[in-house]
Every structure is written in C-alpha cells, then in structure tokens.
Amino acid sequence: MAESLMYEFENDYWHNNRFVLGIDEAGRGPICGPLVVCGVCFPIAYKDDEINDSKKLSEKKRKELFLRIIKEAKTYFIKIVSAKEIDRINIYRATQKAMQEIANDFDGVVLTDCMPLIDVEYHSLVKGDSRSISIAAASILAKVIRDHIMNGYDILYPAYGFKRHKGYPTKLHLEKLDEYGILPIYRFSYKPVIISKQLKLF
C-alpha cells in the first residue's frame, strides 16, 4: 500500500516531532456483546506496511499484528463498553464517549474514523482505517479483543453460535435468538432484540 495513503496524516505531524493517536472501534453493528474502542500511538516515523483496516485482514493476520502493535506502539488505550451502557445512551453516544475519554488522556493530535470530538486537536477521517496507520492499528486491536470476548461467550452459551457470527444479526443468529431467547449480554434497545422480546409475549 502506498505510503502516501496510510502515512499521510501522521507524516504531517511527525515532521514537526508531534505524536499522533488513532482511535477506532469494533462492535457498533452487533446486537449483543460489548463495544470495544481502542487508541494507538506509534513512535514518530514508525512504518509497517502490513498494518491495514482490520476488515481487510484475515483473522490469523490480525492476531499476528495485534501482538506486534502492542509491542511496538508508544502507547495504546483499550475501552470496553457494556451492552447495558449502549442501551442507556445509544451506540453513537457510547462510541463518542469512549473515544473522547481516550483522547482526553492523550497529549498530541488525535485521528478518528468519522467521529467528532471536543476540546482536543483532532481530525475526523472518512474511512480512516484505510487512510491512517494509527487508526488501522486501533481497528485491529479493537477487532481482536472483541472477537476474543465473543469467543468466550460462545463457550458460555454454545447454542447461540457466537464464534461464527460474533453477535451480528445474521440469519443464523436471529434463528438462534428466536429459539433460545434473550441473554443478559444482548442490547435490549436494538430492533431484532425488541422484536424477539415482543414475540415471546404472544
């Protein structure tokens, strides 16, 4: 991948000896399980052309890069937002709140994937995980951590198939939800869960 695409925003600040933090999330779309929000700051002039948007990488490559990122990053942040908190303030606000809290703890420039912040120097980038190595790295951390959590739920609740669908509202998942019912890890404000709950009343 061309350096101008993945390093453009970092280079603008690295040339002035300033640190950059990329923030991204995993888990806005699923109907159960947590939201995971991560931030990654690399040393100035860091390069790794294998780091890319987590959605474009295999599970094996994400796990490999996860270990490399936490080893080589200058600093990184992890926030796990519960389904209960998502229901309380909605998924957008929950994502923004977690990103804002991470940004508040960082002294430097912040890059987000399409999320506005306040009282910090930041840039909100469209498709940021494909345009910034820092955001891409954060997306990898978030994805690997959330998948690990959902695999744990698969062990606890094997009938639901969480290891396969990771909580996204796939046909299989919705069938399992209707068959076995709602668990405490579900997001009760999400439409498929509301519908399932209503159906159980009849």
Foldseek 3Di string as FASTA:
>chain_A
DDCCQACVVLVVVLVVVFKEKEKDWPDQFFQFAKIKIKIFIAHRPDDDVLQFAQVPDDPVSLVVLLVVRCVGTPDMDMDIGALVNCLVPNSLVVRQVVVQVVQVPDDGEYEYDQHDYPDHHYDHDDVNRHRYSRNSNRNSNNVNVLLVVQVVVCVVPVQQPCNPVVRHPDPSNLVSCLVPHDDPRGNCVDDSNVVSVVVVVD
